[in-house]
C-alpha atoms as a PDB file:
ATOM      1  CA  MET A   1     -95.789   7.583  45.631  1.00  0.00           C
ATOM      2  CA  LEU A   2     -96.877   8.308  49.108  1.00  0.00           C
ATOM      3  CA  PRO A   3    -100.636   9.400  49.461  1.00  0.00           C
ATOM      4  CA  GLY A   4    -101.134  13.031  49.324  1.00  0.00           C
ATOM      5  CA  MET A   5     -97.831  13.777  47.186  1.00  0.00           C
ATOM      6  CA  ALA A   6     -98.177  15.543  43.951  1.00  0.00           C
ATOM      7  CA  ARG A   7     -97.110  13.711  40.657  1.00  0.00           C
ATOM      8  CA  ARG A   8     -93.818  14.678  39.285  1.00  0.00           C
ATOM      9  CA  PRO A   9     -94.592  16.259  36.033  1.00  0.00           C
ATOM     10  CA  ARG A  10     -93.058  14.489  32.988  1.00  0.00           C
ATOM     11  CA  LEU A  11     -90.225  15.803  30.969  1.00  0.00           C
ATOM     12  CA  ASP A  12     -91.822  17.847  28.258  1.00  0.00           C
ATOM     13  CA  LEU A  13     -90.215  20.043  25.760  1.00  0.00           C
ATOM     14  CA  PRO A  14     -91.828  21.834  22.705  1.00  0.00           C
ATOM     15  CA  CYS A  15     -90.791  20.508  19.174  1.00  0.00           C
ATOM     16  CA  ILE A  16     -89.007  17.305  20.718  1.00  0.00           C
ATOM     17  CA  PRO A  17     -90.566  14.044  19.782  1.00  0.00           C
ATOM     18  CA  GLN A  18     -92.211  11.680  22.616  1.00  0.00           C
ATOM     19  CA  HIS A  19     -92.499   8.035  22.629  1.00  0.00           C
ATOM     20  CA  VAL A  20     -95.953   7.264  24.468  1.00  0.00           C
ATOM     21  CA  VAL A  21     -97.364   4.042  25.722  1.00  0.00           C
ATOM     22  CA  GLN A  22    -100.870   3.680  27.198  1.00  0.00           C
ATOM     23  CA  ARG A  23    -101.967   0.246  28.491  1.00  0.00           C
ATOM     24  CA  GLY A  24    -105.158  -1.314  29.457  1.00  0.00           C
ATOM     25  CA  ASN A  25    -105.650  -1.558  33.282  1.00  0.00           C
ATOM     26  CA  ASN A  26    -104.267  -4.796  34.464  1.00  0.00           C
ATOM     27  CA  ARG A  27    -102.970  -5.485  30.892  1.00  0.00           C
ATOM     28  CA  LEU A  28    -106.633  -6.257  29.825  1.00  0.00           C
ATOM     29  CA  PRO A  29    -107.784  -5.507  26.242  1.00  0.00           C
ATOM     30  CA  CYS A  30    -108.531  -1.740  25.556  1.00  0.00           C
ATOM     31  CA  PHE A  31    -109.856  -2.750  22.017  1.00  0.00           C
ATOM     32  CA  LEU A  32    -112.458  -5.687  21.625  1.00  0.00           C
ATOM     33  CA  ASP A  33    -112.980  -5.308  17.954  1.00  0.00           C
ATOM     34  CA  ASP A  34    -112.390  -3.427  14.904  1.00  0.00           C
ATOM     35  CA  GLY A  35    -115.054  -0.867  15.644  1.00  0.00           C
ATOM     36  CA  ASP A  36    -113.113   0.149  18.831  1.00  0.00           C
ATOM     37  CA  ARG A  37    -109.887   0.444  16.862  1.00  0.00           C
ATOM     38  CA  LEU A  38    -111.605   2.573  14.025  1.00  0.00           C
ATOM     39  CA  HIS A  39    -113.213   4.816  16.745  1.00  0.00           C
ATOM     40  CA  TYR A  40    -109.957   5.171  18.590  1.00  0.00           C
ATOM     41  CA  LEU A  41    -108.340   6.444  15.295  1.00  0.00           C
ATOM     42  CA  HIS A  42    -110.926   8.762  14.654  1.00  0.00           C
ATOM     43  CA  LEU A  43    -110.788  10.306  18.105  1.00  0.00           C
ATOM     44  CA  LEU A  44    -107.036  10.429  17.860  1.00  0.00           C
ATOM     45  CA  ARG A  45    -107.299  12.645  14.598  1.00  0.00           C
ATOM     46  CA  GLU A  46    -109.604  14.889  16.322  1.00  0.00           C
ATOM     47  CA  ALA A  47    -107.379  15.200  19.268  1.00  0.00           C
ATOM     48  CA  LEU A  48    -104.323  15.817  17.115  1.00  0.00           C
ATOM     49  CA  LEU A  49    -106.168  18.536  15.277  1.00  0.00           C
ATOM     50  CA  ALA A  50    -107.556  20.361  18.566  1.00  0.00           C
ATOM     51  CA  THR A  51    -104.065  20.371  20.155  1.00  0.00           C
ATOM     52  CA  ASP A  52    -101.782  20.773  17.116  1.00  0.00           C
ATOM     53  CA  VAL A  53     -99.631  17.825  17.826  1.00  0.00           C
ATOM     54  CA  GLN A  54     -97.941  15.872  15.050  1.00  0.00           C
ATOM     55  CA  LEU A  55     -98.118  12.311  14.957  1.00  0.00           C
ATOM     56  CA  HIS A  56     -95.329  10.264  13.197  1.00  0.00           C
ATOM     57  CA  ALA A  57     -96.128   6.644  13.835  1.00  0.00           C
ATOM     58  CA  TYR A  58     -98.554   4.498  15.847  1.00  0.00           C
ATOM     59  CA  VAL A  59     -99.730   1.103  16.494  1.00  0.00           C
ATOM     60  CA  LEU A  60    -102.729  -0.325  18.155  1.00  0.00           C
ATOM     61  CA  MET A  61    -102.290  -3.673  20.011  1.00  0.00           C
ATOM     62  CA  ASP A  62    -104.994  -5.492  21.864  1.00  0.00           C
ATOM     63  CA  ASN A  63    -104.173  -4.214  25.271  1.00  0.00           C
ATOM     64  CA  HIS A  64    -101.932  -1.203  24.585  1.00  0.00           C
ATOM     65  CA  VAL A  65    -101.058   1.694  22.136  1.00  0.00           C
ATOM     66  CA  HIS A  66     -97.793   3.183  21.118  1.00  0.00           C
ATOM     67  CA  LEU A  67     -97.482   6.568  19.574  1.00  0.00           C
ATOM     68  CA  LEU A  68     -94.534   8.731  18.341  1.00  0.00           C
ATOM     69  CA  ALA A  69     -95.650  12.277  18.391  1.00  0.00           C
ATOM     70  CA  THR A  70     -94.130  15.848  18.607  1.00  0.00           C
ATOM     71  CA  PRO A  71     -96.082  18.726  20.473  1.00  0.00           C
ATOM     72  CA  ARG A  72     -95.431  22.211  19.243  1.00  0.00           C
ATOM     73  CA  ALA A  73     -95.745  23.665  22.924  1.00  0.00           C
ATOM     74  CA  THR A  74     -95.218  22.299  26.323  1.00  0.00           C
ATOM     75  CA  GLY A  75     -98.369  20.690  27.568  1.00  0.00           C
ATOM     76  CA  ASP A  76     -99.943  20.015  24.178  1.00  0.00           C
ATOM     77  CA  LEU A  77     -99.309  16.410  24.192  1.00  0.00           C
ATOM     78  CA  ALA A  78    -100.708  15.925  27.656  1.00  0.00           C
ATOM     79  CA  ARG A  79    -103.745  17.723  26.657  1.00  0.00           C
ATOM     80  CA  MET A  80    -104.049  15.639  23.567  1.00  0.00           C
ATOM     81  CA  MET A  81    -103.796  12.319  25.482  1.00  0.00           C
ATOM     82  CA  GLN A  82    -106.389  13.618  28.071  1.00  0.00           C
ATOM     83  CA  LYS A  83    -108.953  14.512  25.562  1.00  0.00           C
ATOM     84  CA  LEU A  84    -108.370  11.161  23.758  1.00  0.00           C
ATOM     85  CA  GLY A  85    -108.328   9.088  26.691  1.00  0.00           C
ATOM     86  CA  ARG A  86    -111.466  10.453  28.287  1.00  0.00           C
ATOM     87  CA  GLN A  87    -113.518  10.398  24.934  1.00  0.00           C
ATOM     88  CA  TYR A  88    -112.474   7.039  24.099  1.00  0.00           C
ATOM     89  CA  VAL A  89    -113.135   5.413  27.514  1.00  0.00           C
ATOM     90  CA  GLY A  90    -116.685   6.993  27.595  1.00  0.00           C
ATOM     91  CA  THR A  91    -117.439   5.531  24.096  1.00  0.00           C
ATOM     92  CA  PHE A  92    -115.932   2.212  24.920  1.00  0.00           C
ATOM     93  CA  ASN A  93    -117.839   1.774  28.147  1.00  0.00           C
ATOM     94  CA  ALA A  94    -121.238   2.649  26.573  1.00  0.00           C
ATOM     95  CA  ARG A  95    -120.572   0.516  23.597  1.00  0.00           C
ATOM     96  CA  HIS A  96    -119.900  -2.482  25.697  1.00  0.00           C
ATOM     97  CA  GLY A  97    -122.101  -2.027  28.610  1.00  0.00           C
ATOM     98  CA  ARG A  98    -119.259  -1.517  31.218  1.00  0.00           C
ATOM     99  CA  THR A  99    -118.340   1.085  33.690  1.00  0.00           C
ATOM    100  CA  GLY A 100    -115.051   2.175  35.470  1.00  0.00           C
ATOM    101  CA  THR A 101    -111.473   2.710  34.370  1.00  0.00           C
ATOM    102  CA  LEU A 102    -110.066   1.205  31.239  1.00  0.00           C
ATOM    103  CA  TRP A 103    -106.360   2.555  31.345  1.00  0.00           C
ATOM    104  CA  GLU A 104    -103.760   1.430  33.518  1.00  0.00           C
ATOM    105  CA  GLY A 105    -102.882   4.882  35.490  1.00  0.00           C
ATOM    106  CA  ARG A 106    -101.308   7.744  33.480  1.00  0.00           C
ATOM    107  CA  TYR A 107     -99.761   6.963  30.220  1.00  0.00           C
ATOM    108  CA  LYS A 108     -95.856   6.958  29.980  1.00  0.00           C
ATOM    109  CA  ALA A 109     -93.765   9.156  27.737  1.00  0.00           C
ATOM    110  CA  CYS A 110     -90.147   9.683  27.054  1.00  0.00           C
ATOM    111  CA  LEU A 111     -88.430  12.352  25.019  1.00  0.00           C
ATOM    112  CA  VAL A 112     -86.624  11.012  21.998  1.00  0.00           C
ATOM    113  CA  ASP A 113     -83.537  12.573  20.289  1.00  0.00           C
ATOM    114  CA  SER A 114     -83.390  13.239  16.564  1.00  0.00           C
ATOM    115  CA  GLU A 115     -81.911  11.401  13.591  1.00  0.00           C
ATOM    116  CA  ARG A 116     -81.227   7.542  14.493  1.00  0.00           C
ATOM    117  CA  TYR A 117     -82.949   7.705  17.798  1.00  0.00           C
ATOM    118  CA  VAL A 118     -86.263   8.785  16.536  1.00  0.00           C
ATOM    119  CA  LEU A 119     -86.097   6.365  13.597  1.00  0.00           C
ATOM    120  CA  THR A 120     -85.487   3.454  15.858  1.00  0.00           C
ATOM    121  CA  CYS A 121     -88.214   4.392  17.875  1.00  0.00           C
ATOM    122  CA  GLN A 122     -90.545   4.382  14.763  1.00  0.00           C
ATOM    123  CA  ARG A 123     -89.051   1.059  13.928  1.00  0.00           C
ATOM    124  CA  TYR A 124     -89.798  -0.240  17.464  1.00  0.00           C
ATOM    125  CA  ILE A 125     -93.379   0.889  17.103  1.00  0.00           C
ATOM    126  CA  GLU A 126     -94.222  -0.370  13.762  1.00  0.00           C
ATOM    127  CA  LEU A 127     -92.525  -3.805  14.325  1.00  0.00           C
ATOM    128  CA  ASN A 128     -94.497  -4.272  17.597  1.00  0.00           C
ATOM    129  CA  PRO A 129     -96.883  -6.876  15.886  1.00  0.00           C
ATOM    130  CA  VAL A 130     -93.935  -8.740  14.745  1.00  0.00           C
ATOM    131  CA  ARG A 131     -92.403  -8.891  18.174  1.00  0.00           C
ATOM    132  CA  ALA A 132     -95.803 -10.040  19.548  1.00  0.00           C
ATOM    133  CA  ARG A 133     -95.850 -12.780  16.764  1.00  0.00           C
ATOM    134  CA  VAL A 134     -99.142 -11.239  15.423  1.00  0.00           C
ATOM    135  CA  THR A 135     -97.653 -11.298  11.719  1.00  0.00           C
ATOM    136  CA  ASP A 136     -94.210 -11.850  10.147  1.00  0.00           C
ATOM    137  CA  ASP A 137     -94.888  -8.624   7.972  1.00  0.00           C
ATOM    138  CA  PRO A 138     -95.411  -5.287   9.693  1.00  0.00           C
ATOM    139  CA  ALA A 139     -97.057  -3.818   6.783  1.00  0.00           C
ATOM    140  CA  ALA A 140     -99.894  -6.555   6.831  1.00  0.00           C
ATOM    141  CA  TYR A 141    -100.894  -5.289  10.324  1.00  0.00           C
ATOM    142  CA  ARG A 142    -103.862  -2.957   9.538  1.00  0.00           C
ATOM    143  CA  TRP A 143    -103.633  -1.041  12.862  1.00  0.00           C
ATOM    144  CA  SER A 144    -100.247   0.667  12.526  1.00  0.00           C
ATOM    145  CA  SER A 145     -98.552   3.490  10.406  1.00  0.00           C
ATOM    146  CA  CYS A 146     -96.348   0.982   8.711  1.00  0.00           C
ATOM    147  CA  ALA A 147     -98.326   0.363   5.426  1.00  0.00           C
ATOM    148  CA  ALA A 148     -98.703   4.048   5.131  1.00  0.00           C
ATOM    149  CA  HIS A 149     -94.717   4.630   5.361  1.00  0.00           C
ATOM    150  CA  LEU A 150     -94.261   1.735   2.872  1.00  0.00           C
ATOM    151  CA  ASP A 151     -96.876   2.414   0.110  1.00  0.00           C
ATOM    152  CA  GLY A 152     -96.274   6.171  -0.022  1.00  0.00           C
ATOM    153  CA  ARG A 153     -99.962   7.114   0.432  1.00  0.00           C
ATOM    154  CA  ARG A 154    -101.021  10.098   2.426  1.00  0.00           C
ATOM    155  CA  HIS A 155    -102.481   9.286   5.970  1.00  0.00           C
ATOM    156  CA  ALA A 156    -104.869  11.761   7.483  1.00  0.00           C
ATOM    157  CA  LEU A 157    -103.182  11.061  11.040  1.00  0.00           C
ATOM    158  CA  LEU A 158     -99.557  11.227  10.114  1.00  0.00           C
ATOM    159  CA  THR A 159     -97.004  14.060   9.718  1.00  0.00           C
ATOM    160  CA  PRO A 160     -93.658  12.495   8.497  1.00  0.00           C
ATOM    161  CA  HIS A 161     -90.773  13.269  10.728  1.00  0.00           C
ATOM    162  CA  PRO A 162     -87.858  15.003   9.145  1.00  0.00           C
ATOM    163  CA  ALA A 163     -85.489  12.268   9.817  1.00  0.00           C
ATOM    164  CA  TRP A 164     -87.857   9.773   7.876  1.00  0.00           C
ATOM    165  CA  LEU A 165     -88.076  12.158   5.078  1.00  0.00           C
ATOM    166  CA  ALA A 166     -84.304  12.407   4.883  1.00  0.00           C
ATOM    167  CA  LEU A 167     -84.062   8.862   4.252  1.00  0.00           C
ATOM    168  CA  HIS A 168     -84.459   9.662   0.429  1.00  0.00           C
ATOM    169  CA  ASP A 169     -85.837  12.620  -1.712  1.00  0.00           C
ATOM    170  CA  ASP A 170     -87.722  10.180  -3.992  1.00  0.00           C
ATOM    171  CA  PRO A 171     -90.804   8.638  -2.177  1.00  0.00           C
ATOM    172  CA  ALA A 172     -90.257   5.224  -3.608  1.00  0.00           C
ATOM    173  CA  ALA A 173     -86.760   5.152  -2.858  1.00  0.00           C
ATOM    174  CA  ARG A 174     -87.541   6.459   0.757  1.00  0.00           C
ATOM    175  CA  ALA A 175     -90.106   3.743   1.231  1.00  0.00           C
ATOM    176  CA  SER A 176     -87.573   1.100   0.111  1.00  0.00           C
ATOM    177  CA  ALA A 177     -85.101   2.312   2.485  1.00  0.00           C
ATOM    178  CA  TRP A 178     -87.677   2.143   5.258  1.00  0.00           C
ATOM    179  CA  ARG A 179     -88.441  -1.399   4.256  1.00  0.00           C
ATOM    180  CA  ARG A 180     -84.647  -2.360   4.593  1.00  0.00           C
ATOM    181  CA  LEU A 181     -84.734  -0.709   8.148  1.00  0.00           C
ATOM    182  CA  LEU A 182     -87.692  -2.696   9.111  1.00  0.00           C
ATOM    183  CA  ASP A 183     -86.123  -5.890   7.837  1.00  0.00           C
ATOM    184  CA  ALA A 184     -82.909  -5.282   9.850  1.00  0.00           C
ATOM    185  CA  SER A 185     -83.026  -6.332  13.494  1.00  0.00           C
ATOM    186  CA  ILE A 186     -82.959  -3.535  16.242  1.00  0.00           C
ATOM    187  CA  PRO A 187     -80.033  -4.058  18.233  1.00  0.00           C
ATOM    188  CA  ASP A 188     -80.748  -5.628  21.661  1.00  0.00           C
ATOM    189  CA  GLN A 189     -79.137  -2.603  23.634  1.00  0.00           C
ATOM    190  CA  ASP A 190     -81.654  -0.229  21.850  1.00  0.00           C
ATOM    191  CA  LEU A 191     -84.402  -2.371  22.798  1.00  0.00           C
ATOM    192  CA  VAL A 192     -83.489  -2.523  26.441  1.00  0.00           C
ATOM    193  CA  GLU A 193     -82.889   1.313  26.417  1.00  0.00           C
ATOM    194  CA  ILE A 194     -86.150   2.085  24.646  1.00  0.00           C
ATOM    195  CA  LYS A 195     -88.022   0.265  27.302  1.00  0.00           C
ATOM    196  CA  GLN A 196     -85.874   1.678  30.278  1.00  0.00           C
ATOM    197  CA  TYR A 197     -86.275   5.244  29.146  1.00  0.00           C
ATOM    198  CA  LEU A 198     -90.043   4.839  28.493  1.00  0.00           C
ATOM    199  CA  GLN A 199     -90.673   3.186  31.909  1.00  0.00           C
ATOM    200  CA  GLN A 200     -88.715   5.691  33.706  1.00  0.00           C
ATOM    201  CA  GLN A 201     -90.066   8.627  31.415  1.00  0.00           C
ATOM    202  CA  ARG A 202     -86.518  10.095  30.672  1.00  0.00           C
ATOM    203  CA  ALA A 203     -84.837  11.453  27.429  1.00  0.00           C
ATOM    204  CA  TRP A 204     -83.488   8.686  25.083  1.00  0.00           C
ATOM    205  CA  GLY A 205     -80.564   9.894  22.884  1.00  0.00           C
ATOM    206  CA  ARG A 206     -76.993  11.172  22.991  1.00  0.00           C
ATOM    207  CA  ASP A 207     -75.267  12.353  26.029  1.00  0.00           C
ATOM    208  CA  ASP A 208     -75.416  15.990  24.705  1.00  0.00           C
ATOM    209  CA  PHE A 209     -79.208  15.652  24.252  1.00  0.00           C
ATOM    210  CA  ARG A 210     -79.787  14.603  27.801  1.00  0.00           C
ATOM    211  CA  ALA A 211     -77.693  17.547  28.867  1.00  0.00           C
ATOM    212  CA  MET A 212     -79.698  19.853  26.894  1.00  0.00           C
ATOM    213  CA  VAL A 213     -82.967  18.444  28.458  1.00  0.00           C
ATOM    214  CA  GLU A 214     -81.510  18.668  31.804  1.00  0.00           C
ATOM    215  CA  ALA A 215     -80.385  22.246  31.282  1.00  0.00           C
ATOM    216  CA  ARG A 216     -83.923  23.167  30.143  1.00  0.00           C
ATOM    217  CA  THR A 217     -85.999  21.363  32.564  1.00  0.00           C
ATOM    218  CA  GLN A 218     -83.810  21.361  35.717  1.00  0.00           C
ATOM    219  CA  ARG A 219     -84.645  17.509  35.852  1.00  0.00           C
ATOM    220  CA  PHE A 220     -82.502  14.338  35.631  1.00  0.00           C
ATOM    221  CA  ALA A 221     -82.999  12.787  32.260  1.00  0.00           C
ATOM    222  CA  GLY A 222     -80.907   9.587  32.246  1.00  0.00           C
ATOM    223  CA  VAL A 223     -82.058   6.135  33.543  1.00  0.00           C
ATOM    224  CA  ARG A 224     -81.415   4.900  37.010  1.00  0.00           C
ATOM    225  CA  PRO A 225     -80.198   1.391  37.475  1.00  0.00           C
ATOM    226  CA  ALA A 226     -82.490  -1.146  38.919  1.00  0.00           C
ATOM    227  CA  HIS A 227     -82.332  -1.334  42.689  1.00  0.00           C
ATOM    228  CA  ARG A 228     -80.293  -4.284  43.862  1.00  0.00           C
ATOM    229  CA  PRO A 229     -81.441  -6.236  46.899  1.00  0.00           C
ATOM    230  CA  ALA A 230     -79.708  -5.388  50.150  1.00  0.00           C
ATOM    231  CA  LYS A 231     -76.799  -7.546  51.096  1.00  0.00           C
ATOM    232  CA  SER A 232     -77.495  -9.899  53.905  1.00  0.00           C
ATOM    233  CA  ARG A 233     -75.549  -9.243  57.090  1.00  0.00           C
ATOM    234  CA  GLY A 234     -76.023 -12.865  58.331  1.00  0.00           C
ATOM    235  CA  LYS A 235     -73.944 -15.772  57.620  1.00  0.00           C
END
């Protein structure tokens, strides 16, 4: 983006889930200890309540955060992330005797289709510690929503997504179904698409879902291919 140009707004529609990632500046840690993580979750809950955003899944890694959340109105999620980010940076800097930025620019977010797409995105988030080789069991990782989904306990931060509730009417059977999904590997194509749509901040889902997003936002909602190097005109 050239100097002086306004930032293009993100795709943002009410009542449609968004996959959010926020990274530490230069990929440096944004959590130095469990006190930081606990305080972040406390501020996250306050920000959710203040903006009426519903959180379906989360994971706190050392240098980044993933969230799956649904805003009730356009702009709610941006307000939630702004409130959370500013408050956390202030307390983080005060706690660790530092100054300056903590986050790597603005957070990234993409819209997520219903049913299998939102469930695959939730699996992607809760399996993050496994892919990072922090643990072999996602439920053993303390700083994610995984354990709450598997043991059926109420979590003050979470509002289950209807697609997750639809796995089964019985809570124990639903948890078992979720464990089976977590144990199954996410297809490589889905992993590639999740990263692409998140990086380009588009709308991940079926063709008719992207068409709906484009009609309502008057914006392109698909991903663009990576730029190929120009062909040499020499010999």
